[in-house]
N, C-alpha and C. Protein backbone atom coordinates (compact mmCIF):
# COMPACT_ATOMS: atom_id res chain seq x y z
N UNK A 1 68.73 -12.57 22.27
CA UNK A 1 68.60 -11.12 22.19
C UNK A 1 69.34 -10.45 23.35
N UNK A 2 69.24 -11.02 24.54
CA UNK A 2 69.96 -10.47 25.69
C UNK A 2 71.47 -10.58 25.46
N UNK A 3 71.89 -11.71 24.86
CA UNK A 3 73.30 -11.94 24.57
C UNK A 3 73.84 -10.87 23.63
N UNK A 4 73.08 -10.56 22.58
CA UNK A 4 73.49 -9.53 21.61
C UNK A 4 73.59 -8.18 22.31
N UNK A 5 72.61 -7.87 23.15
CA UNK A 5 72.63 -6.59 23.87
C UNK A 5 73.84 -6.51 24.79
N UNK A 6 74.19 -7.64 25.43
CA UNK A 6 75.33 -7.67 26.34
C UNK A 6 76.63 -7.40 25.58
N UNK A 7 76.75 -7.96 24.38
CA UNK A 7 77.93 -7.71 23.56
C UNK A 7 78.03 -6.22 23.24
N UNK A 8 76.89 -5.62 22.87
CA UNK A 8 76.89 -4.18 22.56
C UNK A 8 77.29 -3.36 23.78
N UNK A 9 76.78 -3.72 24.95
CA UNK A 9 77.13 -3.00 26.18
C UNK A 9 78.63 -3.13 26.45
N UNK A 10 79.19 -4.34 26.23
CA UNK A 10 80.63 -4.53 26.42
C UNK A 10 81.43 -3.66 25.47
N UNK A 11 80.99 -3.56 24.20
CA UNK A 11 81.69 -2.70 23.24
C UNK A 11 81.63 -1.25 23.69
N UNK A 12 80.45 -0.82 24.17
CA UNK A 12 80.30 0.56 24.63
C UNK A 12 81.21 0.80 25.83
N UNK A 13 81.30 -0.17 26.74
CA UNK A 13 82.16 -0.03 27.91
C UNK A 13 83.62 0.11 27.51
N UNK A 14 84.06 -0.71 26.54
CA UNK A 14 85.46 -0.64 26.10
C UNK A 14 85.76 0.73 25.50
N UNK A 15 84.84 1.23 24.68
CA UNK A 15 85.04 2.55 24.08
C UNK A 15 85.05 3.62 25.16
N UNK A 16 84.14 3.49 26.12
CA UNK A 16 84.03 4.49 27.18
C UNK A 16 85.27 4.47 28.07
N UNK A 17 85.76 3.27 28.41
CA UNK A 17 86.93 3.17 29.27
C UNK A 17 88.18 3.71 28.58
N UNK A 18 88.27 3.53 27.27
CA UNK A 18 89.43 4.05 26.56
C UNK A 18 89.40 5.58 26.50
N UNK A 19 88.21 6.17 26.60
CA UNK A 19 88.08 7.63 26.53
C UNK A 19 88.18 8.31 27.89
N UNK A 20 88.01 7.55 28.98
CA UNK A 20 88.03 8.16 30.31
C UNK A 20 89.09 7.50 31.17
N UNK A 21 89.58 8.26 32.14
CA UNK A 21 90.59 7.71 33.03
C UNK A 21 89.98 7.24 34.35
N UNK A 22 88.75 7.66 34.66
CA UNK A 22 88.14 7.31 35.94
C UNK A 22 87.40 5.98 35.82
N UNK A 23 88.00 4.94 36.39
CA UNK A 23 87.44 3.59 36.28
C UNK A 23 86.20 3.41 37.15
N UNK A 24 86.10 4.15 38.26
CA UNK A 24 84.96 3.98 39.16
C UNK A 24 83.66 4.36 38.48
N UNK A 25 83.68 5.44 37.69
CA UNK A 25 82.44 5.87 37.02
C UNK A 25 82.04 4.85 35.96
N UNK A 26 83.02 4.23 35.29
CA UNK A 26 82.66 3.24 34.27
C UNK A 26 82.03 2.02 34.91
N UNK A 27 82.50 1.65 36.09
CA UNK A 27 81.92 0.50 36.79
C UNK A 27 80.47 0.79 37.15
N UNK A 28 80.20 1.99 37.65
CA UNK A 28 78.83 2.35 38.02
C UNK A 28 77.95 2.40 36.78
N UNK A 29 78.45 3.00 35.71
CA UNK A 29 77.65 3.11 34.48
C UNK A 29 77.38 1.72 33.91
N UNK A 30 78.38 0.85 33.95
CA UNK A 30 78.21 -0.51 33.46
C UNK A 30 77.14 -1.24 34.26
N UNK A 31 77.18 -1.11 35.58
CA UNK A 31 76.19 -1.76 36.43
C UNK A 31 74.79 -1.23 36.20
N UNK A 32 74.66 0.09 36.09
CA UNK A 32 73.35 0.69 35.88
C UNK A 32 72.81 0.29 34.50
N UNK A 33 73.68 0.28 33.48
CA UNK A 33 73.25 -0.11 32.13
C UNK A 33 72.78 -1.55 32.12
N UNK A 34 73.51 -2.42 32.82
CA UNK A 34 73.13 -3.83 32.87
C UNK A 34 71.81 -4.00 33.62
N UNK A 35 71.66 -3.30 34.73
CA UNK A 35 70.41 -3.38 35.49
C UNK A 35 69.22 -2.88 34.70
N UNK A 36 69.40 -1.76 33.98
CA UNK A 36 68.30 -1.21 33.18
C UNK A 36 67.97 -2.15 32.03
N UNK A 37 69.00 -2.76 31.42
CA UNK A 37 68.76 -3.70 30.32
C UNK A 37 67.97 -4.92 30.81
N UNK A 38 68.39 -5.47 31.95
CA UNK A 38 67.67 -6.62 32.51
C UNK A 38 66.25 -6.25 32.90
N UNK A 39 66.10 -5.09 33.55
CA UNK A 39 64.77 -4.69 34.00
C UNK A 39 63.87 -4.36 32.83
N UNK A 40 64.43 -3.82 31.75
CA UNK A 40 63.64 -3.55 30.55
C UNK A 40 63.07 -4.83 29.99
N UNK A 41 63.88 -5.88 29.96
CA UNK A 41 63.41 -7.18 29.50
C UNK A 41 62.34 -7.75 30.42
N UNK A 42 62.55 -7.60 31.72
CA UNK A 42 61.55 -8.08 32.69
C UNK A 42 60.25 -7.28 32.54
N UNK A 43 60.39 -5.96 32.37
CA UNK A 43 59.21 -5.09 32.23
C UNK A 43 58.40 -5.42 30.99
N UNK A 44 59.07 -5.68 29.88
CA UNK A 44 58.37 -6.05 28.65
C UNK A 44 57.68 -7.40 28.83
N UNK A 45 58.36 -8.33 29.51
CA UNK A 45 57.75 -9.64 29.75
C UNK A 45 56.50 -9.51 30.62
N UNK A 46 56.53 -8.59 31.58
CA UNK A 46 55.37 -8.38 32.44
C UNK A 46 54.33 -7.47 31.78
N UNK A 47 54.73 -6.80 30.70
CA UNK A 47 53.81 -5.88 30.03
C UNK A 47 53.77 -4.52 30.67
N UNK A 48 54.73 -4.21 31.52
CA UNK A 48 54.75 -2.91 32.18
C UNK A 48 56.19 -2.43 32.28
N UNK A 49 56.61 -1.61 31.34
CA UNK A 49 58.00 -1.16 31.27
C UNK A 49 58.36 -0.28 32.47
N UNK A 50 57.44 0.57 32.91
CA UNK A 50 57.73 1.47 34.03
C UNK A 50 58.03 0.66 35.30
N UNK A 51 57.23 -0.38 35.52
CA UNK A 51 57.46 -1.26 36.68
C UNK A 51 58.83 -1.93 36.57
N UNK A 52 59.16 -2.41 35.37
CA UNK A 52 60.45 -3.04 35.15
C UNK A 52 61.61 -2.10 35.43
N UNK A 53 61.51 -0.86 34.94
CA UNK A 53 62.59 0.11 35.16
C UNK A 53 62.68 0.51 36.63
N UNK A 54 61.54 0.63 37.31
CA UNK A 54 61.57 1.02 38.72
C UNK A 54 62.21 -0.08 39.57
N UNK A 55 62.13 -1.32 39.12
CA UNK A 55 62.82 -2.42 39.81
C UNK A 55 64.30 -2.42 39.40
N UNK A 56 64.57 -2.14 38.14
CA UNK A 56 65.91 -2.33 37.57
C UNK A 56 66.93 -1.29 37.92
N UNK A 57 66.51 -0.03 38.10
CA UNK A 57 67.51 1.00 38.39
C UNK A 57 68.18 0.76 39.75
N UNK A 58 67.44 0.42 40.82
CA UNK A 58 68.13 0.05 42.07
C UNK A 58 69.02 -1.18 41.92
N UNK A 59 68.56 -2.18 41.16
CA UNK A 59 69.38 -3.36 40.90
C UNK A 59 70.66 -2.92 40.18
N UNK A 60 70.53 -2.00 39.22
CA UNK A 60 71.69 -1.49 38.49
C UNK A 60 72.68 -0.79 39.39
N UNK A 61 72.18 -0.02 40.34
CA UNK A 61 73.08 0.68 41.27
C UNK A 61 73.85 -0.32 42.11
N UNK A 62 73.16 -1.37 42.58
CA UNK A 62 73.82 -2.42 43.36
C UNK A 62 74.87 -3.13 42.51
N UNK A 63 74.52 -3.44 41.24
CA UNK A 63 75.49 -4.07 40.34
C UNK A 63 76.69 -3.15 40.10
N UNK A 64 76.42 -1.86 39.99
CA UNK A 64 77.51 -0.89 39.80
C UNK A 64 78.48 -0.89 40.98
N UNK A 65 77.94 -0.95 42.19
CA UNK A 65 78.80 -1.01 43.39
C UNK A 65 79.61 -2.30 43.38
N UNK A 66 78.95 -3.40 42.97
CA UNK A 66 79.64 -4.69 42.89
C UNK A 66 80.79 -4.63 41.88
N UNK A 67 80.53 -4.05 40.69
CA UNK A 67 81.58 -3.94 39.67
C UNK A 67 82.71 -3.04 40.15
N UNK A 68 82.35 -1.97 40.89
CA UNK A 68 83.38 -1.05 41.38
C UNK A 68 84.31 -1.76 42.35
N UNK A 69 83.73 -2.57 43.25
CA UNK A 69 84.56 -3.32 44.21
C UNK A 69 85.41 -4.35 43.48
N UNK A 70 84.84 -4.97 42.47
CA UNK A 70 85.57 -6.00 41.71
C UNK A 70 86.78 -5.37 41.00
N UNK A 71 86.60 -4.16 40.44
CA UNK A 71 87.72 -3.50 39.75
C UNK A 71 88.79 -3.04 40.72
N UNK A 72 88.41 -2.66 41.94
CA UNK A 72 89.41 -2.23 42.93
C UNK A 72 90.33 -3.39 43.33
N UNK A 73 89.77 -4.60 43.38
CA UNK A 73 90.56 -5.78 43.77
C UNK A 73 91.60 -6.13 42.71
N UNK A 74 91.28 -5.87 41.44
CA UNK A 74 92.20 -6.29 40.35
C UNK A 74 93.44 -5.43 40.28
């Protein structure tokens, strides 16, 4: 299920990148989306979605910064 969601996020990223010229914002959005997706899964597993999201949004921001740095190197 996570794999399917990841494919959908990748498709959304490709569509979004083709529509926008600013790569930095796509990296941040990709990281935040990935963090929220992971945290949503963790939250459901723990039975508390709010707790999962409160953990996941900061993780998403960190992932977004990581993706932004990775795109700058390429």
